[in-house]
Structure formats: structure tokens, C-alpha cells
Amino acid sequence: MPDPVDALILDLLEWIGPRPRPYAEVIEAWRTSCPRLPVWEEANQRGFIDHIHEQGHPALVTVSSLGFAQLEAQRGIRVTRDLA
């Protein structure tokens, strides 16, 4: 039986999409206190998320190259990063 966290991680990566999102928005939507569904934590540990910190700007979150490769491998979704 597949791990439900794996499917939720892919949902998270799709939700973030090709453009960076504010860290606060991502955390509000995806952080959980349930130890059985550590989606945000697992995505970070697996290297699927990149964090962007620029002085004077809010922190941003984006899907890493590894995360995009995982989306393509598991769901056939080919996405390129849009940093605009």
C-alpha cells in the first residue's frame, strides 16, 4: 500500500507550482501537527523544496529541481521553474 505522505508531497509540489510562493502562505496551508502526516517536513528533508531569502524581502519557497523531477517521474507533470 502506498504511503499517503508521498501523494501529499506531490500535491504540495503541484500547489507551489513553478513560481515561488511566500513562506508564510505555504506554512499556513501545509504545516501540520500530525506526526503521521509530516508533508512539509518530508518534502524539505527529501530536497524537494528550496528556500529563497533576500534581505528586505519576505522569505519565499519554491520547488527544487529534484522536486520538479519527482513530479515528472511520479505524475508525468513537466514543469519548469519560473522565477519571474
N, C-alpha and C. Protein backbone atom coordinates (compact mmCIF):
# COMPACT_ATOMS: atom_id res chain seq x y z
N MET A 1 0.83 -1.17 0.00
CA MET A 1 0.00 0.00 0.00
C MET A 1 0.89 1.25 0.00
N PRO A 2 0.63 2.19 -0.90
CA PRO A 2 1.48 3.38 -0.98
C PRO A 2 1.36 4.25 0.27
N ASP A 3 2.44 4.95 0.58
CA ASP A 3 2.47 5.86 1.72
C ASP A 3 1.66 7.11 1.37
N PRO A 4 0.65 7.47 2.18
CA PRO A 4 -0.16 8.66 1.87
C PRO A 4 0.66 9.95 1.89
N VAL A 5 1.75 9.97 2.63
CA VAL A 5 2.59 11.17 2.67
C VAL A 5 3.20 11.43 1.30
N ASP A 6 3.58 10.37 0.57
CA ASP A 6 4.17 10.54 -0.75
C ASP A 6 3.22 11.26 -1.70
N ALA A 7 1.96 10.85 -1.70
CA ALA A 7 0.96 11.51 -2.56
C ALA A 7 0.74 12.95 -2.14
N LEU A 8 0.72 13.20 -0.84
CA LEU A 8 0.52 14.57 -0.35
C LEU A 8 1.72 15.46 -0.67
N ILE A 9 2.90 14.90 -0.66
CA ILE A 9 4.09 15.68 -1.04
C ILE A 9 3.97 16.11 -2.50
N LEU A 10 3.53 15.22 -3.36
CA LEU A 10 3.33 15.59 -4.76
C LEU A 10 2.26 16.66 -4.89
N ASP A 11 1.20 16.57 -4.09
CA ASP A 11 0.17 17.61 -4.08
C ASP A 11 0.77 18.95 -3.66
N LEU A 12 1.62 18.93 -2.64
CA LEU A 12 2.29 20.16 -2.18
C LEU A 12 3.13 20.76 -3.30
N LEU A 13 3.91 19.94 -3.97
CA LEU A 13 4.77 20.44 -5.05
C LEU A 13 3.95 21.03 -6.19
N GLU A 14 2.86 20.37 -6.54
CA GLU A 14 1.97 20.91 -7.57
C GLU A 14 1.35 22.23 -7.12
N TRP A 15 0.95 22.29 -5.85
CA TRP A 15 0.32 23.50 -5.31
C TRP A 15 1.29 24.68 -5.34
N ILE A 16 2.53 24.44 -4.96
CA ILE A 16 3.52 25.52 -5.02
C ILE A 16 3.70 25.96 -6.47
N GLY A 17 3.80 24.99 -7.37
CA GLY A 17 3.90 25.29 -8.80
C GLY A 17 5.23 25.86 -9.22
N PRO A 18 5.27 26.45 -10.40
CA PRO A 18 6.53 26.89 -10.98
C PRO A 18 7.04 28.23 -10.44
N ARG A 19 6.19 28.98 -9.73
CA ARG A 19 6.62 30.28 -9.20
C ARG A 19 6.82 30.22 -7.70
N PRO A 20 7.79 30.94 -7.19
CA PRO A 20 7.97 30.98 -5.73
C PRO A 20 6.71 31.53 -5.04
N ARG A 21 6.43 31.00 -3.87
CA ARG A 21 5.31 31.47 -3.04
C ARG A 21 5.87 31.95 -1.71
N PRO A 22 5.19 32.89 -1.09
CA PRO A 22 5.65 33.34 0.23
C PRO A 22 5.66 32.18 1.23
N TYR A 23 6.73 32.12 2.00
CA TYR A 23 6.88 31.07 3.00
C TYR A 23 5.68 31.03 3.94
N ALA A 24 5.23 32.20 4.40
CA ALA A 24 4.11 32.26 5.35
C ALA A 24 2.85 31.63 4.76
N GLU A 25 2.60 31.85 3.49
CA GLU A 25 1.43 31.27 2.82
C GLU A 25 1.54 29.74 2.75
N VAL A 26 2.72 29.26 2.41
CA VAL A 26 2.93 27.82 2.30
C VAL A 26 2.77 27.14 3.66
N ILE A 27 3.38 27.73 4.67
CA ILE A 27 3.31 27.14 6.01
C ILE A 27 1.87 27.15 6.52
N GLU A 28 1.16 28.23 6.29
CA GLU A 28 -0.23 28.30 6.75
C GLU A 28 -1.07 27.19 6.11
N ALA A 29 -0.82 26.92 4.86
CA ALA A 29 -1.61 25.92 4.14
C ALA A 29 -1.15 24.48 4.38
N TRP A 30 0.14 24.27 4.63
CA TRP A 30 0.66 22.90 4.61
C TRP A 30 1.27 22.38 5.90
N ARG A 31 1.54 23.21 6.86
CA ARG A 31 2.15 22.69 8.10
C ARG A 31 1.08 21.94 8.88
N THR A 32 1.48 20.87 9.49
CA THR A 32 0.55 20.08 10.30
C THR A 32 1.23 19.67 11.60
N SER A 33 0.44 19.48 12.60
CA SER A 33 1.00 19.00 13.87
C SER A 33 0.81 17.48 13.99
N CYS A 34 0.25 16.87 12.95
CA CYS A 34 0.03 15.43 12.98
C CYS A 34 1.34 14.70 12.65
N PRO A 35 1.87 13.93 13.58
CA PRO A 35 3.14 13.24 13.32
C PRO A 35 3.05 12.18 12.23
N ARG A 36 1.84 11.77 11.86
CA ARG A 36 1.70 10.76 10.82
C ARG A 36 1.64 11.37 9.42
N LEU A 37 1.49 12.68 9.33
CA LEU A 37 1.42 13.35 8.03
C LEU A 37 2.40 14.53 7.97
N PRO A 38 3.67 14.25 8.05
CA PRO A 38 4.67 15.33 8.04
C PRO A 38 5.03 15.77 6.62
N VAL A 39 4.04 16.26 5.89
CA VAL A 39 4.22 16.56 4.47
C VAL A 39 5.30 17.61 4.25
N TRP A 40 5.16 18.76 4.89
CA TRP A 40 6.12 19.85 4.74
C TRP A 40 7.52 19.40 5.14
N GLU A 41 7.63 18.74 6.28
CA GLU A 41 8.93 18.32 6.79
C GLU A 41 9.58 17.30 5.85
N GLU A 42 8.80 16.33 5.37
CA GLU A 42 9.34 15.31 4.46
C GLU A 42 9.78 15.92 3.14
N ALA A 43 9.00 16.84 2.60
CA ALA A 43 9.37 17.48 1.33
C ALA A 43 10.70 18.21 1.47
N ASN A 44 10.90 18.86 2.61
CA ASN A 44 12.17 19.55 2.86
C ASN A 44 13.31 18.56 3.02
N GLN A 45 13.09 17.51 3.81
CA GLN A 45 14.15 16.52 4.05
C GLN A 45 14.57 15.81 2.77
N ARG A 46 13.63 15.61 1.86
CA ARG A 46 13.94 14.93 0.60
C ARG A 46 14.56 15.87 -0.44
N GLY A 47 14.67 17.15 -0.12
CA GLY A 47 15.31 18.10 -1.03
C GLY A 47 14.39 18.58 -2.14
N PHE A 48 13.07 18.47 -1.95
CA PHE A 48 12.11 18.86 -2.98
C PHE A 48 11.75 20.34 -2.91
N ILE A 49 12.19 21.03 -1.87
CA ILE A 49 11.84 22.43 -1.64
C ILE A 49 13.11 23.26 -1.53
N ASP A 50 13.11 24.43 -2.16
CA ASP A 50 14.17 25.42 -1.99
C ASP A 50 13.60 26.63 -1.27
N HIS A 51 14.42 27.24 -0.44
CA HIS A 51 14.03 28.45 0.29
C HIS A 51 14.84 29.62 -0.25
N ILE A 52 14.17 30.72 -0.49
CA ILE A 52 14.82 31.92 -1.03
C ILE A 52 14.74 33.02 0.02
N HIS A 53 15.90 33.50 0.44
CA HIS A 53 15.96 34.56 1.44
C HIS A 53 16.75 35.73 0.87
N GLU A 54 16.08 36.84 0.65
CA GLU A 54 16.74 38.05 0.19
C GLU A 54 16.48 39.14 1.22
N GLN A 55 17.53 39.80 1.63
CA GLN A 55 17.41 40.83 2.66
C GLN A 55 16.38 41.88 2.24
N GLY A 56 15.49 42.21 3.15
CA GLY A 56 14.48 43.22 2.90
C GLY A 56 13.24 42.71 2.20
N HIS A 57 13.18 41.40 1.93
CA HIS A 57 12.02 40.80 1.26
C HIS A 57 11.52 39.61 2.08
N PRO A 58 10.23 39.31 1.99
CA PRO A 58 9.73 38.13 2.70
C PRO A 58 10.36 36.85 2.14
N ALA A 59 10.51 35.86 3.00
CA ALA A 59 11.06 34.57 2.57
C ALA A 59 10.12 33.93 1.57
N LEU A 60 10.70 33.26 0.59
CA LEU A 60 9.93 32.56 -0.44
C LEU A 60 10.27 31.08 -0.44
N VAL A 61 9.37 30.30 -0.98
CA VAL A 61 9.55 28.85 -1.12
C VAL A 61 9.30 28.51 -2.58
N THR A 62 10.12 27.62 -3.12
CA THR A 62 9.94 27.16 -4.48
C THR A 62 10.25 25.67 -4.56
N VAL A 63 9.76 25.04 -5.58
CA VAL A 63 10.06 23.62 -5.81
C VAL A 63 11.49 23.54 -6.36
N SER A 64 12.27 22.64 -5.82
CA SER A 64 13.64 22.45 -6.28
C SER A 64 13.66 21.67 -7.59
N SER A 65 14.81 21.62 -8.21
CA SER A 65 14.98 20.82 -9.43
C SER A 65 14.65 19.36 -9.14
N LEU A 66 15.06 18.88 -7.99
CA LEU A 66 14.76 17.50 -7.59
C LEU A 66 13.25 17.31 -7.43
N GLY A 67 12.57 18.31 -6.88
CA GLY A 67 11.12 18.25 -6.72
C GLY A 67 10.41 18.20 -8.06
N PHE A 68 10.86 19.04 -9.00
CA PHE A 68 10.27 19.01 -10.34
C PHE A 68 10.50 17.65 -11.01
N ALA A 69 11.68 17.07 -10.81
CA ALA A 69 11.97 15.76 -11.38
C ALA A 69 11.06 14.70 -10.76
N GLN A 70 10.78 14.81 -9.48
CA GLN A 70 9.88 13.87 -8.81
C GLN A 70 8.46 13.99 -9.36
N LEU A 71 7.99 15.21 -9.56
CA LEU A 71 6.67 15.42 -10.15
C LEU A 71 6.56 14.78 -11.53
N GLU A 72 7.61 14.97 -12.32
CA GLU A 72 7.59 14.40 -13.67
C GLU A 72 7.61 12.88 -13.62
N ALA A 73 8.45 12.32 -12.74
CA ALA A 73 8.57 10.87 -12.64
C ALA A 73 7.30 10.21 -12.11
N GLN A 74 6.67 10.83 -11.13
CA GLN A 74 5.53 10.20 -10.47
C GLN A 74 4.18 10.54 -11.09
N ARG A 75 4.06 11.74 -11.65
CA ARG A 75 2.76 12.16 -12.17
C ARG A 75 2.80 12.57 -13.64
N GLY A 76 3.97 12.50 -14.24
CA GLY A 76 4.08 12.87 -15.65
C GLY A 76 3.91 14.35 -15.89
N ILE A 77 4.09 15.14 -14.84
CA ILE A 77 3.93 16.59 -14.95
C ILE A 77 5.30 17.21 -15.18
N ARG A 78 5.43 17.85 -16.32
CA ARG A 78 6.69 18.52 -16.64
C ARG A 78 6.50 20.01 -16.41
N VAL A 79 7.25 20.54 -15.47
CA VAL A 79 7.14 21.95 -15.10
C VAL A 79 8.54 22.54 -15.09
N THR A 80 8.64 23.75 -15.54
CA THR A 80 9.91 24.46 -15.44
C THR A 80 9.73 25.61 -14.47
N ARG A 81 10.77 25.92 -13.78
CA ARG A 81 10.73 26.96 -12.75
C ARG A 81 10.58 28.32 -13.40
N ASP A 82 9.74 29.13 -12.81
CA ASP A 82 9.50 30.49 -13.27
C ASP A 82 9.85 31.42 -12.13
N LEU A 83 11.00 32.04 -12.19
CA LEU A 83 11.45 32.92 -11.10
C LEU A 83 11.03 34.36 -11.31
N ALA A 84 10.21 34.62 -12.30
CA ALA A 84 9.76 35.99 -12.55
C ALA A 84 8.77 36.45 -11.51
